[in-house]
Amino acid sequence: RGWFEGAEVDVSAVKPEVMKAADALKAGVKTFRINVEFDTA
């Protein structure tokens, strides 16, 4: 959206894959999931 102002961007067809938080940080992503698990509730 920033590179092509006014363009319609559709990402609905992308298949999300699990990505390590450290890799996302190194890729320059600002907001990313940390893959952690907790005991129920």
PDB file of all heavy atoms in Angstrom:
ATOM      1  N   ARG A   1       0.835  -1.216   0.000  1.00  0.00           N
ATOM      2  CA  ARG A   1       0.000   0.000   0.000  1.00  0.00           C
ATOM      3  C   ARG A   1       0.863   1.257   0.000  1.00  0.00           C
ATOM      4  O   ARG A   1       0.462   2.293  -0.534  1.00  0.00           O
ATOM      5  CB  ARG A   1      -0.937  -0.017   1.202  1.00  0.00           C
ATOM      6  CG  ARG A   1      -1.993  -1.124   1.131  1.00  0.00           C
ATOM      7  CD  ARG A   1      -3.007  -1.033   2.263  1.00  0.00           C
ATOM      8  NE  ARG A   1      -3.977  -2.126   2.188  1.00  0.00           N
ATOM      9  CZ  ARG A   1      -3.910  -3.233   2.934  1.00  0.00           C
ATOM     10  NH1 ARG A   1      -2.926  -3.391   3.812  1.00  0.00           N
ATOM     11  NH2 ARG A   1      -4.827  -4.175   2.802  1.00  0.00           N
ATOM     12  N   GLY A   2       2.020   1.159   0.621  1.00  0.00           N
ATOM     13  CA  GLY A   2       2.923   2.300   0.618  1.00  0.00           C
ATOM     14  C   GLY A   2       3.654   2.470  -0.706  1.00  0.00           C
ATOM     15  O   GLY A   2       3.832   3.587  -1.195  1.00  0.00           O
ATOM     16  N   TRP A   3       4.086   1.369  -1.301  1.00  0.00           N
ATOM     17  CA  TRP A   3       4.815   1.440  -2.572  1.00  0.00           C
ATOM     18  C   TRP A   3       3.909   1.861  -3.732  1.00  0.00           C
ATOM     19  O   TRP A   3       4.342   2.595  -4.619  1.00  0.00           O
ATOM     20  CB  TRP A   3       5.407   0.056  -2.909  1.00  0.00           C
ATOM     21  CG  TRP A   3       6.491  -0.377  -1.964  1.00  0.00           C
ATOM     22  CD1 TRP A   3       7.235   0.410  -1.143  1.00  0.00           C
ATOM     23  CD2 TRP A   3       6.940  -1.724  -1.751  1.00  0.00           C
ATOM     24  NE1 TRP A   3       8.124  -0.347  -0.413  1.00  0.00           N
ATOM     25  CE2 TRP A   3       7.966  -1.673  -0.775  1.00  0.00           C
ATOM     26  CE3 TRP A   3       6.577  -2.966  -2.274  1.00  0.00           C
ATOM     27  CZ2 TRP A   3       8.636  -2.809  -0.318  1.00  0.00           C
ATOM     28  CZ3 TRP A   3       7.243  -4.099  -1.828  1.00  0.00           C
ATOM     29  CH2 TRP A   3       8.255  -4.016  -0.862  1.00  0.00           C
ATOM     30  N   PHE A   4       2.663   1.373  -3.705  1.00  0.00           N
ATOM     31  CA  PHE A   4       1.740   1.652  -4.804  1.00  0.00           C
ATOM     32  C   PHE A   4       0.478   2.303  -4.232  1.00  0.00           C
ATOM     33  O   PHE A   4      -0.550   1.642  -4.030  1.00  0.00           O
ATOM     34  CB  PHE A   4       1.395   0.361  -5.559  1.00  0.00           C
ATOM     35  CG  PHE A   4       2.602  -0.364  -6.083  1.00  0.00           C
ATOM     36  CD1 PHE A   4       3.150  -1.433  -5.388  1.00  0.00           C
ATOM     37  CD2 PHE A   4       3.213   0.050  -7.260  1.00  0.00           C
ATOM     38  CE1 PHE A   4       4.261  -2.100  -5.861  1.00  0.00           C
ATOM     39  CE2 PHE A   4       4.332  -0.615  -7.740  1.00  0.00           C
ATOM     40  CZ  PHE A   4       4.870  -1.687  -7.040  1.00  0.00           C
ATOM     41  N   GLU A   5       0.589   3.585  -3.991  1.00  0.00           N
ATOM     42  CA  GLU A   5      -0.517   4.312  -3.359  1.00  0.00           C
ATOM     43  C   GLU A   5      -1.772   4.219  -4.224  1.00  0.00           C
ATOM     44  O   GLU A   5      -1.748   4.490  -5.417  1.00  0.00           O
ATOM     45  CB  GLU A   5      -0.133   5.783  -3.166  1.00  0.00           C
ATOM     46  CG  GLU A   5      -1.153   6.577  -2.387  1.00  0.00           C
ATOM     47  CD  GLU A   5      -0.703   7.992  -2.125  1.00  0.00           C
ATOM     48  OE1 GLU A   5       0.446   8.328  -2.472  1.00  0.00           O
ATOM     49  OE2 GLU A   5      -1.501   8.767  -1.577  1.00  0.00           O
ATOM     50  N   GLY A   6      -2.858   3.853  -3.582  1.00  0.00           N
ATOM     51  CA  GLY A   6      -4.120   3.714  -4.297  1.00  0.00           C
ATOM     52  C   GLY A   6      -4.399   2.297  -4.772  1.00  0.00           C
ATOM     53  O   GLY A   6      -5.495   2.017  -5.258  1.00  0.00           O
ATOM     54  N   ALA A   7      -3.415   1.418  -4.634  1.00  0.00           N
ATOM     55  CA  ALA A   7      -3.631   0.043  -5.087  1.00  0.00           C
ATOM     56  C   ALA A   7      -4.498  -0.719  -4.093  1.00  0.00           C
ATOM     57  O   ALA A   7      -4.432  -0.507  -2.885  1.00  0.00           O
ATOM     58  CB  ALA A   7      -2.292  -0.668  -5.257  1.00  0.00           C
ATOM     59  N   GLU A   8      -5.296  -1.631  -4.629  1.00  0.00           N
ATOM     60  CA  GLU A   8      -6.071  -2.544  -3.781  1.00  0.00           C
ATOM     61  C   GLU A   8      -5.197  -3.769  -3.511  1.00  0.00           C
ATOM     62  O   GLU A   8      -4.698  -4.404  -4.444  1.00  0.00           O
ATOM     63  CB  GLU A   8      -7.354  -2.953  -4.501  1.00  0.00           C
ATOM     64  CG  GLU A   8      -8.198  -3.927  -3.707  1.00  0.00           C
ATOM     65  CD  GLU A   8      -9.393  -4.444  -4.497  1.00  0.00           C
ATOM     66  OE1 GLU A   8      -9.630  -3.921  -5.610  1.00  0.00           O
ATOM     67  OE2 GLU A   8     -10.073  -5.372  -4.016  1.00  0.00           O
ATOM     68  N   VAL A   9      -4.999  -4.067  -2.237  1.00  0.00           N
ATOM     69  CA  VAL A   9      -4.111  -5.169  -1.863  1.00  0.00           C
ATOM     70  C   VAL A   9      -4.941  -6.282  -1.224  1.00  0.00           C
ATOM     71  O   VAL A   9      -5.711  -6.043  -0.286  1.00  0.00           O
ATOM     72  CB  VAL A   9      -3.020  -4.691  -0.886  1.00  0.00           C
ATOM     73  CG1 VAL A   9      -2.150  -5.869  -0.430  1.00  0.00           C
ATOM     74  CG2 VAL A   9      -2.165  -3.602  -1.537  1.00  0.00           C
ATOM     75  N   ASP A  10      -4.770  -7.476  -1.722  1.00  0.00           N
ATOM     76  CA  ASP A  10      -5.527  -8.630  -1.225  1.00  0.00           C
ATOM     77  C   ASP A  10      -4.550  -9.732  -0.810  1.00  0.00           C
ATOM     78  O   ASP A  10      -3.769 -10.218  -1.644  1.00  0.00           O
ATOM     79  CB  ASP A  10      -6.459  -9.134  -2.328  1.00  0.00           C
ATOM     80  CG  ASP A  10      -7.319 -10.306  -1.877  1.00  0.00           C
ATOM     81  OD1 ASP A  10      -7.288 -10.653  -0.681  1.00  0.00           O
ATOM     82  OD2 ASP A  10      -8.014 -10.884  -2.745  1.00  0.00           O
ATOM     83  N   VAL A  11      -4.595 -10.105   0.467  1.00  0.00           N
ATOM     84  CA  VAL A  11      -3.705 -11.161   0.967  1.00  0.00           C
ATOM     85  C   VAL A  11      -4.510 -12.362   1.464  1.00  0.00           C
ATOM     86  O   VAL A  11      -3.969 -13.250   2.138  1.00  0.00           O
ATOM     87  CB  VAL A  11      -2.791 -10.624   2.103  1.00  0.00           C
ATOM     88  CG1 VAL A  11      -1.841  -9.577   1.574  1.00  0.00           C
ATOM     89  CG2 VAL A  11      -3.639 -10.071   3.255  1.00  0.00           C
ATOM     90  N   SER A  12      -5.789 -12.386   1.107  1.00  0.00           N
ATOM     91  CA  SER A  12      -6.658 -13.437   1.651  1.00  0.00           C
ATOM     92  C   SER A  12      -6.285 -14.826   1.157  1.00  0.00           C
ATOM     93  O   SER A  12      -6.613 -15.828   1.805  1.00  0.00           O
ATOM     94  CB  SER A  12      -8.122 -13.133   1.297  1.00  0.00           C
ATOM     95  OG  SER A  12      -8.301 -13.089  -0.117  1.00  0.00           O
ATOM     96  N   ALA A  13      -5.626 -14.909   0.012  1.00  0.00           N
ATOM     97  CA  ALA A  13      -5.293 -16.223  -0.542  1.00  0.00           C
ATOM     98  C   ALA A  13      -3.955 -16.758  -0.041  1.00  0.00           C
ATOM     99  O   ALA A  13      -3.564 -17.887  -0.386  1.00  0.00           O
ATOM    100  CB  ALA A  13      -5.265 -16.145  -2.069  1.00  0.00           C
ATOM    101  N   VAL A  14      -3.257 -15.984   0.740  1.00  0.00           N
ATOM    102  CA  VAL A  14      -1.950 -16.429   1.234  1.00  0.00           C
ATOM    103  C   VAL A  14      -2.145 -17.461   2.343  1.00  0.00           C
ATOM    104  O   VAL A  14      -2.942 -17.262   3.268  1.00  0.00           O
ATOM    105  CB  VAL A  14      -1.129 -15.240   1.769  1.00  0.00           C
ATOM    106  CG1 VAL A  14       0.207 -15.722   2.330  1.00  0.00           C
ATOM    107  CG2 VAL A  14      -0.917 -14.213   0.683  1.00  0.00           C
ATOM    108  N   LYS A  15      -1.371 -18.530   2.273  1.00  0.00           N
ATOM    109  CA  LYS A  15      -1.404 -19.541   3.321  1.00  0.00           C
ATOM    110  C   LYS A  15      -0.374 -19.169   4.389  1.00  0.00           C
ATOM    111  O   LYS A  15       0.826 -19.130   4.110  1.00  0.00           O
ATOM    112  CB  LYS A  15      -1.069 -20.910   2.732  1.00  0.00           C
ATOM    113  CG  LYS A  15      -1.072 -22.022   3.770  1.00  0.00           C
ATOM    114  CD  LYS A  15      -0.705 -23.358   3.135  1.00  0.00           C
ATOM    115  CE  LYS A  15      -0.669 -24.452   4.205  1.00  0.00           C
ATOM    116  NZ  LYS A  15      -0.291 -25.781   3.632  1.00  0.00           N
ATOM    117  N   PRO A  16      -0.830 -18.872   5.609  1.00  0.00           N
ATOM    118  CA  PRO A  16       0.123 -18.478   6.649  1.00  0.00           C
ATOM    119  C   PRO A  16       0.941 -19.675   7.138  1.00  0.00           C
ATOM    120  O   PRO A  16       0.432 -20.793   7.280  1.00  0.00           O
ATOM    121  CB  PRO A  16      -0.779 -17.931   7.760  1.00  0.00           C
ATOM    122  CG  PRO A  16      -2.089 -18.596   7.556  1.00  0.00           C
ATOM    123  CD  PRO A  16      -2.224 -18.814   6.079  1.00  0.00           C
ATOM    124  N   GLU A  17       2.196 -19.437   7.389  1.00  0.00           N
ATOM    125  CA  GLU A  17       3.091 -20.459   7.918  1.00  0.00           C
ATOM    126  C   GLU A  17       3.669 -19.981   9.251  1.00  0.00           C
ATOM    127  O   GLU A  17       3.838 -18.788   9.479  1.00  0.00           O
ATOM    128  CB  GLU A  17       4.240 -20.725   6.946  1.00  0.00           C
ATOM    129  CG  GLU A  17       3.782 -21.372   5.647  1.00  0.00           C
ATOM    130  CD  GLU A  17       4.958 -21.676   4.720  1.00  0.00           C
ATOM    131  OE1 GLU A  17       5.995 -20.963   4.827  1.00  0.00           O
ATOM    132  OE2 GLU A  17       4.864 -22.593   3.901  1.00  0.00           O
ATOM    133  N   VAL A  18       3.924 -20.939  10.092  1.00  0.00           N
ATOM    134  CA  VAL A  18       4.524 -20.609  11.381  1.00  0.00           C
ATOM    135  C   VAL A  18       5.913 -20.036  11.121  1.00  0.00           C
ATOM    136  O   VAL A  18       6.692 -20.572  10.324  1.00  0.00           O
ATOM    137  CB  VAL A  18       4.612 -21.852  12.281  1.00  0.00           C
ATOM    138  CG1 VAL A  18       5.342 -21.524  13.579  1.00  0.00           C
ATOM    139  CG2 VAL A  18       3.222 -22.413  12.562  1.00  0.00           C
ATOM    140  N   MET A  19       6.223 -18.946  11.813  1.00  0.00           N
ATOM    141  CA  MET A  19       7.507 -18.265  11.623  1.00  0.00           C
ATOM    142  C   MET A  19       8.101 -17.962  12.987  1.00  0.00           C
ATOM    143  O   MET A  19       7.406 -17.487  13.892  1.00  0.00           O
ATOM    144  CB  MET A  19       7.278 -16.966  10.840  1.00  0.00           C
ATOM    145  CG  MET A  19       8.548 -16.245  10.444  1.00  0.00           C
ATOM    146  SD  MET A  19       8.141 -14.766   9.452  1.00  0.00           S
ATOM    147  CE  MET A  19       9.794 -14.285   8.946  1.00  0.00           C
ATOM    148  N   LYS A  20       9.356 -18.254  13.133  1.00  0.00           N
ATOM    149  CA  LYS A  20      10.009 -17.957  14.407  1.00  0.00           C
ATOM    150  C   LYS A  20      10.015 -16.441  14.650  1.00  0.00           C
ATOM    151  O   LYS A  20      10.214 -15.659  13.722  1.00  0.00           O
ATOM    152  CB  LYS A  20      11.440 -18.484  14.407  1.00  0.00           C
ATOM    153  CG  LYS A  20      11.544 -20.005  14.439  1.00  0.00           C
ATOM    154  CD  LYS A  20      12.998 -20.435  14.512  1.00  0.00           C
ATOM    155  CE  LYS A  20      13.098 -21.959  14.596  1.00  0.00           C
ATOM    156  NZ  LYS A  20      14.519 -22.418  14.697  1.00  0.00           N
ATOM    157  N   ALA A  21       9.840 -16.089  15.898  1.00  0.00           N
ATOM    158  CA  ALA A  21       9.822 -14.676  16.256  1.00  0.00           C
ATOM    159  C   ALA A  21      11.157 -14.011  15.937  1.00  0.00           C
ATOM    160  O   ALA A  21      11.186 -12.865  15.453  1.00  0.00           O
ATOM    161  CB  ALA A  21       9.505 -14.529  17.747  1.00  0.00           C
ATOM    162  N   ALA A  22      12.242 -14.708  16.164  1.00  0.00           N
ATOM    163  CA  ALA A  22      13.570 -14.139  15.901  1.00  0.00           C
ATOM    164  C   ALA A  22      13.743 -13.865  14.409  1.00  0.00           C
ATOM    165  O   ALA A  22      14.315 -12.832  14.009  1.00  0.00           O
ATOM    166  CB  ALA A  22      14.661 -15.080  16.412  1.00  0.00           C
ATOM    167  N   ASP A  23      13.240 -14.767  13.544  1.00  0.00           N
ATOM    168  CA  ASP A  23      13.350 -14.553  12.100  1.00  0.00           C
ATOM    169  C   ASP A  23      12.518 -13.342  11.654  1.00  0.00           C
ATOM    170  O   ASP A  23      12.926 -12.587  10.770  1.00  0.00           O
ATOM    171  CB  ASP A  23      12.886 -15.813  11.359  1.00  0.00           C
ATOM    172  CG  ASP A  23      13.839 -16.984  11.547  1.00  0.00           C
ATOM    173  OD1 ASP A  23      15.011 -16.728  11.954  1.00  0.00           O
ATOM    174  OD2 ASP A  23      13.417 -18.132  11.314  1.00  0.00           O
ATOM    175  N   ALA A  24      11.353 -13.193  12.246  1.00  0.00           N
ATOM    176  CA  ALA A  24      10.511 -12.044  11.907  1.00  0.00           C
ATOM    177  C   ALA A  24      11.209 -10.735  12.302  1.00  0.00           C
ATOM    178  O   ALA A  24      11.189  -9.753  11.541  1.00  0.00           O
ATOM    179  CB  ALA A  24       9.162 -12.163  12.613  1.00  0.00           C
ATOM    180  N   LEU A  25      11.830 -10.738  13.476  1.00  0.00           N
ATOM    181  CA  LEU A  25      12.545  -9.536  13.919  1.00  0.00           C
ATOM    182  C   LEU A  25      13.696  -9.222  12.967  1.00  0.00           C
ATOM    183  O   LEU A  25      13.887  -8.066  12.569  1.00  0.00           O
ATOM    184  CB  LEU A  25      13.073  -9.740  15.343  1.00  0.00           C
ATOM    185  CG  LEU A  25      13.815  -8.544  15.942  1.00  0.00           C
ATOM    186  CD1 LEU A  25      12.855  -7.395  16.224  1.00  0.00           C
ATOM    187  CD2 LEU A  25      14.525  -8.958  17.240  1.00  0.00           C
ATOM    188  N   LYS A  26      14.440 -10.233  12.566  1.00  0.00           N
ATOM    189  CA  LYS A  26      15.564 -10.021  11.653  1.00  0.00           C
ATOM    190  C   LYS A  26      15.100  -9.585  10.262  1.00  0.00           C
ATOM    191  O   LYS A  26      15.818  -8.892   9.547  1.00  0.00           O
ATOM    192  CB  LYS A  26      16.382 -11.305  11.543  1.00  0.00           C
ATOM    193  CG  LYS A  26      17.104 -11.680  12.831  1.00  0.00           C
ATOM    194  CD  LYS A  26      17.797 -13.043  12.714  1.00  0.00           C
ATOM    195  CE  LYS A  26      18.455 -13.438  14.023  1.00  0.00           C
ATOM    196  NZ  LYS A  26      19.088 -14.785  13.947  1.00  0.00           N
ATOM    197  N   ALA A  27      13.880  -9.971   9.891  1.00  0.00           N
ATOM    198  CA  ALA A  27      13.341  -9.587   8.586  1.00  0.00           C
ATOM    199  C   ALA A  27      12.799  -8.161   8.606  1.00  0.00           C
ATOM    200  O   ALA A  27      12.352  -7.658   7.567  1.00  0.00           O
ATOM    201  CB  ALA A  27      12.243 -10.562   8.169  1.00  0.00           C
ATOM    202  N   GLY A  28      12.830  -7.548   9.756  1.00  0.00           N
ATOM    203  CA  GLY A  28      12.372  -6.162   9.848  1.00  0.00           C
ATOM    204  C   GLY A  28      10.897  -6.004  10.139  1.00  0.00           C
ATOM    205  O   GLY A  28      10.367  -4.890  10.094  1.00  0.00           O
ATOM    206  N   VAL A  29      10.217  -7.097  10.450  1.00  0.00           N
ATOM    207  CA  VAL A  29       8.800  -7.015  10.778  1.00  0.00           C
ATOM    208  C   VAL A  29       8.651  -6.357  12.142  1.00  0.00           C
ATOM    209  O   VAL A  29       9.390  -6.682  13.081  1.00  0.00           O
ATOM    210  CB  VAL A  29       8.159  -8.416  10.772  1.00  0.00           C
ATOM    211  CG1 VAL A  29       6.686  -8.329  11.134  1.00  0.00           C
ATOM    212  CG2 VAL A  29       8.348  -9.074   9.419  1.00  0.00           C
ATOM    213  N   LYS A  30       7.697  -5.456  12.245  1.00  0.00           N
ATOM    214  CA  LYS A  30       7.526  -4.714  13.495  1.00  0.00           C
ATOM    215  C   LYS A  30       6.589  -5.412  14.476  1.00  0.00           C
ATOM    216  O   LYS A  30       6.762  -5.316  15.692  1.00  0.00           O
ATOM    217  CB  LYS A  30       6.976  -3.306  13.195  1.00  0.00           C
ATOM    218  CG  LYS A  30       7.932  -2.442  12.389  1.00  0.00           C
ATOM    219  CD  LYS A  30       9.236  -2.233  13.142  1.00  0.00           C
ATOM    220  CE  LYS A  30      10.198  -1.344  12.385  1.00  0.00           C
ATOM    221  NZ  LYS A  30      11.497  -1.199  13.104  1.00  0.00           N
ATOM    222  N   THR A  31       5.573  -6.110  13.968  1.00  0.00           N
ATOM    223  CA  THR A  31       4.635  -6.808  14.849  1.00  0.00           C
ATOM    224  C   THR A  31       4.553  -8.273  14.407  1.00  0.00           C
ATOM    225  O   THR A  31       4.255  -8.553  13.239  1.00  0.00           O
ATOM    226  CB  THR A  31       3.238  -6.167  14.788  1.00  0.00           C
ATOM    227  OG1 THR A  31       3.323  -4.800  15.227  1.00  0.00           O
ATOM    228  CG2 THR A  31       2.254  -6.923  15.673  1.00  0.00           C
ATOM    229  N   PHE A  32       4.809  -9.176  15.333  1.00  0.00           N
ATOM    230  CA  PHE A  32       4.832 -10.600  14.978  1.00  0.00           C
ATOM    231  C   PHE A  32       4.430 -11.437  16.188  1.00  0.00           C
ATOM    232  O   PHE A  32       4.513 -11.009  17.332  1.00  0.00           O
ATOM    233  CB  PHE A  32       6.215 -11.019  14.468  1.00  0.00           C
ATOM    234  CG  PHE A  32       7.349 -10.555  15.339  1.00  0.00           C
ATOM    235  CD1 PHE A  32       7.762 -11.319  16.445  1.00  0.00           C
ATOM    236  CD2 PHE A  32       8.003  -9.368  15.075  1.00  0.00           C
ATOM    237  CE1 PHE A  32       8.813 -10.892  17.246  1.00  0.00           C
ATOM    238  CE2 PHE A  32       9.058  -8.929  15.886  1.00  0.00           C
ATOM    239  CZ  PHE A  32       9.467  -9.705  16.965  1.00  0.00           C
ATOM    240  N   ARG A  33       3.991 -12.651  15.860  1.00  0.00           N
ATOM    241  CA  ARG A  33       3.571 -13.584  16.905  1.00  0.00           C
ATOM    242  C   ARG A  33       4.790 -14.250  17.550  1.00  0.00           C
ATOM    243  O   ARG A  33       5.760 -14.595  16.862  1.00  0.00           O
ATOM    244  CB  ARG A  33       2.664 -14.650  16.309  1.00  0.00           C
ATOM    245  CG  ARG A  33       2.209 -15.722  17.292  1.00  0.00           C
ATOM    246  CD  ARG A  33       1.530 -16.858  16.545  1.00  0.00           C
ATOM    247  NE  ARG A  33       0.269 -16.452  15.977  1.00  0.00           N
ATOM    248  CZ  ARG A  33      -0.921 -16.626  16.580  1.00  0.00           C
ATOM    249  NH1 ARG A  33      -0.998 -17.207  17.765  1.00  0.00           N
ATOM    250  NH2 ARG A  33      -2.032 -16.261  15.973  1.00  0.00           N
ATOM    251  N   ILE A  34       4.723 -14.441  18.872  1.00  0.00           N
ATOM    252  CA  ILE A  34       5.704 -15.255  19.595  1.00  0.00           C
ATOM    253  C   ILE A  34       5.047 -16.621  19.830  1.00  0.00           C
ATOM    254  O   ILE A  34       3.981 -16.706  20.454  1.00  0.00           O
ATOM    255  CB  ILE A  34       6.086 -14.624  20.951  1.00  0.00           C
ATOM    256  CG1 ILE A  34       6.611 -13.207  20.746  1.00  0.00           C
ATOM    257  CG2 ILE A  34       7.132 -15.472  21.658  1.00  0.00           C
ATOM    258  CD1 ILE A  34       6.874 -12.457  22.051  1.00  0.00           C
ATOM    259  N   ASN A  35       5.670 -17.658  19.305  1.00  0.00           N
ATOM    260  CA  ASN A  35       5.061 -18.988  19.346  1.00  0.00           C
ATOM    261  C   ASN A  35       5.327 -19.639  20.709  1.00  0.00           C
ATOM    262  O   ASN A  35       6.331 -20.342  20.908  1.00  0.00           O
ATOM    263  CB  ASN A  35       5.622 -19.868  18.233  1.00  0.00           C
ATOM    264  CG  ASN A  35       5.313 -19.287  16.866  1.00  0.00           C
ATOM    265  OD1 ASN A  35       4.156 -19.142  16.486  1.00  0.00           O
ATOM    266  ND2 ASN A  35       6.354 -18.934  16.127  1.00  0.00           N
ATOM    267  N   VAL A  36       4.439 -19.356  21.634  1.00  0.00           N
ATOM    268  CA  VAL A  36       4.541 -19.914  22.984  1.00  0.00           C
ATOM    269  C   VAL A  36       3.236 -20.592  23.360  1.00  0.00           C
ATOM    270  O   VAL A  36       2.170 -20.283  22.796  1.00  0.00           O
ATOM    271  CB  VAL A  36       4.868 -18.817  24.028  1.00  0.00           C
ATOM    272  CG1 VAL A  36       6.280 -18.283  23.825  1.00  0.00           C
ATOM    273  CG2 VAL A  36       3.853 -17.674  23.963  1.00  0.00           C
ATOM    274  N   GLU A  37       3.324 -21.535  24.310  1.00  0.00           N
ATOM    275  CA  GLU A  37       2.133 -22.239  24.795  1.00  0.00           C
ATOM    276  C   GLU A  37       2.095 -22.170  26.319  1.00  0.00           C
ATOM    277  O   GLU A  37       3.137 -22.108  26.985  1.00  0.00           O
ATOM    278  CB  GLU A  37       2.141 -23.704  24.339  1.00  0.00           C
ATOM    279  CG  GLU A  37       2.015 -23.868  22.835  1.00  0.00           C
ATOM    280  CD  GLU A  37       1.953 -25.331  22.408  1.00  0.00           C
ATOM    281  OE1 GLU A  37       1.888 -26.213  23.315  1.00  0.00           O
ATOM    282  OE2 GLU A  37       1.956 -25.601  21.194  1.00  0.00           O
ATOM    283  N   PHE A  38       0.850 -22.180  26.834  1.00  0.00           N
ATOM    284  CA  PHE A  38       0.636 -22.088  28.278  1.00  0.00           C
ATOM    285  C   PHE A  38      -0.261 -23.251  28.732  1.00  0.00           C
ATOM    286  O   PHE A  38      -1.008 -23.846  27.927  1.00  0.00           O
ATOM    287  CB  PHE A  38      -0.054 -20.770  28.638  1.00  0.00           C
ATOM    288  CG  PHE A  38       0.754 -19.534  28.295  1.00  0.00           C
ATOM    289  CD1 PHE A  38       0.612 -18.924  27.059  1.00  0.00           C
ATOM    290  CD2 PHE A  38       1.642 -18.990  29.221  1.00  0.00           C
ATOM    291  CE1 PHE A  38       1.328 -17.796  26.737  1.00  0.00           C
ATOM    292  CE2 PHE A  38       2.365 -17.858  28.909  1.00  0.00           C
ATOM    293  CZ  PHE A  38       2.217 -17.256  27.659  1.00  0.00           C
ATOM    294  N   ASP A  39      -0.199 -23.506  29.980  1.00  0.00           N
ATOM    295  CA  ASP A  39      -1.161 -24.447  30.542  1.00  0.00           C
ATOM    296  C   ASP A  39      -2.551 -23.848  30.407  1.00  0.00           C
ATOM    297  O   ASP A  39      -2.730 -22.614  30.405  1.00  0.00           O
ATOM    298  CB  ASP A  39      -0.855 -24.729  32.022  1.00  0.00           C
ATOM    299  CG  ASP A  39       0.445 -25.513  32.200  1.00  0.00           C
ATOM    300  OD1 ASP A  39       0.893 -26.133  31.211  1.00  0.00           O
ATOM    301  OD2 ASP A  39       1.015 -25.442  33.302  1.00  0.00           O
ATOM    302  N   THR A  40      -3.546 -24.699  30.277  1.00  0.00           N
ATOM    303  CA  THR A  40      -4.919 -24.250  30.057  1.00  0.00           C
ATOM    304  C   THR A  40      -5.372 -23.309  31.165  1.00  0.00           C
ATOM    305  O   THR A  40      -5.222 -23.614  32.357  1.00  0.00           O
ATOM    306  CB  THR A  40      -5.864 -25.459  29.993  1.00  0.00           C
ATOM    307  OG1 THR A  40      -5.419 -26.347  28.953  1.00  0.00           O
ATOM    308  CG2 THR A  40      -7.292 -25.002  29.709  1.00  0.00           C
ATOM    309  N   ALA A  41      -5.860 -22.143  30.722  1.00  0.00           N
ATOM    310  CA  ALA A  41      -6.428 -21.123  31.618  1.00  0.00           C
ATOM    311  C   ALA A  41      -5.409 -20.619  32.639  1.00  0.00           C
ATOM    312  O   ALA A  41      -5.779 -20.082  33.681  1.00  0.00           O
ATOM    313  CB  ALA A  41      -7.669 -21.641  32.318  1.00  0.00           C
TER     314      ALA A  41
END
